[in-house]
């Protein structure tokens, strides 16, 4: 419950800070977002690449395990 109230308070502060009648930080926030967006996009892209590589490795490992299980099953059938 405390975290929900804290989250609402943070959102309210953010809205108040962006309003021209509030703290008037709107232009500074836009300036920050313009500078941070390319860096954030690069980090998200890097994360997506790493997740993709991990997914490919997991698929290869699953396929390898499936083939080993199939070979073991065929070996049991021959005996």
N, C-alpha and C. Protein backbone atom coordinates (compact mmCIF):
# COMPACT_ATOMS: atom_id res chain seq x y z
N UNK A 1 0.82 -1.19 0.00
CA UNK A 1 0.00 0.00 0.00
C UNK A 1 0.87 1.25 0.00
N UNK A 2 1.96 1.20 0.77
CA UNK A 2 2.86 2.35 0.84
C UNK A 2 3.51 2.60 -0.52
N UNK A 3 3.86 1.52 -1.22
CA UNK A 3 4.50 1.70 -2.52
C UNK A 3 3.54 2.30 -3.54
N UNK A 4 2.27 1.95 -3.46
CA UNK A 4 1.28 2.54 -4.37
C UNK A 4 1.15 4.03 -4.10
N UNK A 5 1.08 4.41 -2.85
CA UNK A 5 0.99 5.83 -2.50
C UNK A 5 2.24 6.57 -2.94
N UNK A 6 3.41 5.95 -2.72
CA UNK A 6 4.66 6.56 -3.15
C UNK A 6 4.69 6.73 -4.67
N UNK A 7 4.23 5.72 -5.41
CA UNK A 7 4.18 5.81 -6.87
C UNK A 7 3.26 6.91 -7.35
N UNK A 8 2.11 7.04 -6.72
CA UNK A 8 1.17 8.11 -7.09
C UNK A 8 1.79 9.47 -6.78
N UNK A 9 2.48 9.59 -5.65
CA UNK A 9 3.13 10.85 -5.29
C UNK A 9 4.23 11.20 -6.29
N UNK A 10 4.98 10.22 -6.75
CA UNK A 10 6.02 10.47 -7.74
C UNK A 10 5.42 10.94 -9.07
N UNK A 11 4.34 10.30 -9.48
CA UNK A 11 3.69 10.71 -10.73
C UNK A 11 3.11 12.12 -10.59
N UNK A 12 2.50 12.41 -9.45
CA UNK A 12 1.96 13.75 -9.22
C UNK A 12 3.07 14.80 -9.25
N UNK A 13 4.21 14.49 -8.64
CA UNK A 13 5.34 15.43 -8.66
C UNK A 13 5.83 15.65 -10.09
N UNK A 14 5.89 14.57 -10.87
CA UNK A 14 6.35 14.69 -12.26
C UNK A 14 5.42 15.58 -13.05
N UNK A 15 4.13 15.39 -12.91
CA UNK A 15 3.16 16.23 -13.63
C UNK A 15 3.30 17.68 -13.16
N UNK A 16 3.41 17.89 -11.85
CA UNK A 16 3.56 19.24 -11.30
C UNK A 16 4.84 19.90 -11.81
N UNK A 17 5.92 19.14 -11.91
CA UNK A 17 7.20 19.70 -12.37
C UNK A 17 7.15 20.08 -13.84
N UNK A 18 6.35 19.37 -14.63
CA UNK A 18 6.28 19.64 -16.07
C UNK A 18 5.36 20.81 -16.40
N UNK A 19 4.41 21.11 -15.54
CA UNK A 19 3.46 22.17 -15.82
C UNK A 19 4.14 23.54 -15.79
N UNK A 20 3.74 24.43 -16.70
CA UNK A 20 4.33 25.77 -16.69
C UNK A 20 4.03 26.54 -15.40
N UNK A 21 2.89 26.28 -14.78
CA UNK A 21 2.54 26.99 -13.55
C UNK A 21 3.19 26.33 -12.33
N UNK A 22 3.69 25.11 -12.49
CA UNK A 22 4.36 24.40 -11.40
C UNK A 22 5.81 24.83 -11.33
N UNK A 23 6.71 23.88 -11.42
CA UNK A 23 8.13 24.18 -11.39
C UNK A 23 8.66 24.66 -12.73
N UNK A 24 7.92 24.39 -13.78
CA UNK A 24 8.32 24.86 -15.11
C UNK A 24 9.53 24.12 -15.67
N UNK A 25 9.69 22.87 -15.33
CA UNK A 25 10.82 22.10 -15.81
C UNK A 25 10.55 21.43 -17.16
N UNK A 26 9.47 21.75 -17.79
CA UNK A 26 9.08 21.08 -19.03
C UNK A 26 10.14 21.13 -20.10
N UNK A 27 10.74 22.29 -20.34
CA UNK A 27 11.75 22.41 -21.39
C UNK A 27 13.01 21.63 -21.03
N UNK A 28 13.38 21.62 -19.74
CA UNK A 28 14.56 20.85 -19.34
C UNK A 28 14.32 19.35 -19.47
N UNK A 29 13.10 18.92 -19.18
CA UNK A 29 12.77 17.50 -19.31
C UNK A 29 12.83 17.09 -20.78
N UNK A 30 12.29 17.92 -21.66
CA UNK A 30 12.34 17.63 -23.09
C UNK A 30 13.79 17.59 -23.57
N UNK A 31 14.61 18.52 -23.10
CA UNK A 31 16.03 18.56 -23.46
C UNK A 31 16.72 17.27 -23.01
N UNK A 32 16.44 16.84 -21.79
CA UNK A 32 17.02 15.59 -21.28
C UNK A 32 16.56 14.40 -22.12
N UNK A 33 15.27 14.33 -22.42
CA UNK A 33 14.75 13.21 -23.20
C UNK A 33 15.35 13.16 -24.59
N UNK A 34 15.56 14.32 -25.20
CA UNK A 34 16.19 14.36 -26.52
C UNK A 34 17.60 13.80 -26.47
N UNK A 35 18.33 14.09 -25.41
CA UNK A 35 19.69 13.58 -25.28
C UNK A 35 19.75 12.13 -24.85
N UNK A 36 18.81 11.70 -24.04
CA UNK A 36 18.85 10.35 -23.50
C UNK A 36 18.24 9.32 -24.45
N UNK A 37 17.41 9.74 -25.38
CA UNK A 37 16.72 8.80 -26.26
C UNK A 37 17.69 7.98 -27.11
N UNK A 38 18.69 8.59 -27.78
CA UNK A 38 19.62 7.75 -28.55
C UNK A 38 20.40 6.76 -27.69
N UNK A 39 20.82 7.18 -26.52
CA UNK A 39 21.55 6.28 -25.62
C UNK A 39 20.65 5.15 -25.17
N UNK A 40 19.43 5.47 -24.79
CA UNK A 40 18.47 4.45 -24.37
C UNK A 40 18.16 3.50 -25.52
N UNK A 41 18.01 4.02 -26.72
CA UNK A 41 17.74 3.17 -27.89
C UNK A 41 18.90 2.22 -28.14
N UNK A 42 20.13 2.70 -27.99
CA UNK A 42 21.30 1.84 -28.18
C UNK A 42 21.34 0.74 -27.13
N UNK A 43 21.04 1.07 -25.88
CA UNK A 43 21.04 0.06 -24.83
C UNK A 43 19.94 -0.97 -25.02
N UNK A 44 18.76 -0.52 -25.44
CA UNK A 44 17.66 -1.45 -25.70
C UNK A 44 18.00 -2.34 -26.88
N UNK A 45 18.63 -1.79 -27.91
CA UNK A 45 19.05 -2.59 -29.06
C UNK A 45 20.08 -3.63 -28.67
N UNK A 46 21.05 -3.25 -27.84
CA UNK A 46 22.05 -4.20 -27.37
C UNK A 46 21.41 -5.31 -26.55
N UNK A 47 20.48 -4.95 -25.71
CA UNK A 47 19.76 -5.94 -24.91
C UNK A 47 18.97 -6.90 -25.81
N UNK A 48 18.34 -6.36 -26.85
CA UNK A 48 17.58 -7.20 -27.78
C UNK A 48 18.50 -8.18 -28.51
N UNK A 49 19.70 -7.72 -28.89
CA UNK A 49 20.65 -8.61 -29.55
C UNK A 49 21.08 -9.72 -28.60
N UNK A 50 21.40 -9.37 -27.36
CA UNK A 50 21.81 -10.38 -26.39
C UNK A 50 20.70 -11.40 -26.12
N UNK A 51 19.48 -10.94 -26.01
CA UNK A 51 18.35 -11.85 -25.80
C UNK A 51 18.17 -12.75 -27.02
N UNK A 52 18.34 -12.19 -28.22
CA UNK A 52 18.22 -12.99 -29.44
C UNK A 52 19.28 -14.08 -29.51
N UNK A 53 20.52 -13.73 -29.14
CA UNK A 53 21.61 -14.72 -29.14
C UNK A 53 21.31 -15.82 -28.13
N UNK A 54 20.86 -15.44 -26.95
CA UNK A 54 20.53 -16.44 -25.93
C UNK A 54 19.40 -17.35 -26.41
N UNK A 55 18.42 -16.78 -27.10
CA UNK A 55 17.30 -17.58 -27.61
C UNK A 55 17.78 -18.58 -28.66
N UNK A 56 18.68 -18.15 -29.54
CA UNK A 56 19.22 -19.05 -30.57
C UNK A 56 19.99 -20.18 -29.90
N UNK A 57 20.79 -19.87 -28.90
CA UNK A 57 21.55 -20.90 -28.19
C UNK A 57 20.61 -21.87 -27.48
N UNK A 58 19.55 -21.37 -26.88
CA UNK A 58 18.59 -22.24 -26.21
C UNK A 58 17.91 -23.17 -27.20
N UNK A 59 17.56 -22.67 -28.36
CA UNK A 59 16.93 -23.51 -29.38
C UNK A 59 17.88 -24.60 -29.85
N UNK A 60 19.16 -24.23 -30.07
CA UNK A 60 20.14 -25.23 -30.49
C UNK A 60 20.33 -26.29 -29.41
N UNK A 61 20.39 -25.87 -28.17
CA UNK A 61 20.54 -26.82 -27.06
C UNK A 61 19.33 -27.75 -26.97
N UNK A 62 18.14 -27.21 -27.14
CA UNK A 62 16.93 -28.03 -27.08
C UNK A 62 16.91 -29.03 -28.23
N UNK A 63 17.33 -28.58 -29.41
CA UNK A 63 17.36 -29.48 -30.56
C UNK A 63 18.38 -30.59 -30.32
N UNK A 64 19.53 -30.23 -29.77
CA UNK A 64 20.57 -31.22 -29.47
C UNK A 64 20.07 -32.25 -28.45
N UNK A 65 19.41 -31.78 -27.41
CA UNK A 65 18.86 -32.70 -26.40
C UNK A 65 17.79 -33.59 -26.99
N UNK A 66 16.98 -33.04 -27.89
CA UNK A 66 15.94 -33.83 -28.53
C UNK A 66 16.55 -34.93 -29.39
N UNK A 67 17.62 -34.61 -30.12
CA UNK A 67 18.28 -35.62 -30.94
C UNK A 67 18.93 -36.69 -30.07
N UNK A 68 19.54 -36.29 -28.96
CA UNK A 68 20.14 -37.27 -28.05
C UNK A 68 19.07 -38.19 -27.46
N UNK A 69 17.94 -37.64 -27.11
CA UNK A 69 16.85 -38.46 -26.57
C UNK A 69 16.33 -39.42 -27.62
N UNK A 70 16.24 -38.94 -28.86
CA UNK A 70 15.78 -39.80 -29.95
C UNK A 70 16.76 -40.93 -30.20
N UNK A 71 18.07 -40.62 -30.18
CA UNK A 71 19.08 -41.66 -30.37
C UNK A 71 19.05 -42.67 -29.23
N UNK A 72 18.87 -42.19 -28.01
CA UNK A 72 18.80 -43.10 -26.87
C UNK A 72 17.57 -43.99 -26.98
N UNK A 73 16.48 -43.44 -27.45
CA UNK A 73 15.25 -44.23 -27.61
C UNK A 73 15.44 -45.29 -28.68
N UNK A 74 16.09 -44.92 -29.77
CA UNK A 74 16.34 -45.89 -30.85
C UNK A 74 17.30 -46.98 -30.39
N UNK A 75 18.29 -46.60 -29.55
CA UNK A 75 19.21 -47.59 -29.01
C UNK A 75 18.50 -48.59 -28.12
N UNK A 76 17.53 -48.14 -27.35
CA UNK A 76 16.76 -49.03 -26.48
C UNK A 76 15.89 -49.97 -27.30
N UNK A 77 15.36 -49.48 -28.42
CA UNK A 77 14.50 -50.29 -29.25
C UNK A 77 15.29 -51.42 -29.93
N UNK A 78 16.56 -51.20 -30.22
CA UNK A 78 17.39 -52.21 -30.87
C UNK A 78 17.73 -53.36 -29.92
N UNK A 79 17.79 -53.02 -28.63
CA UNK A 79 18.13 -54.07 -27.65
C UNK A 79 16.92 -54.87 -27.37
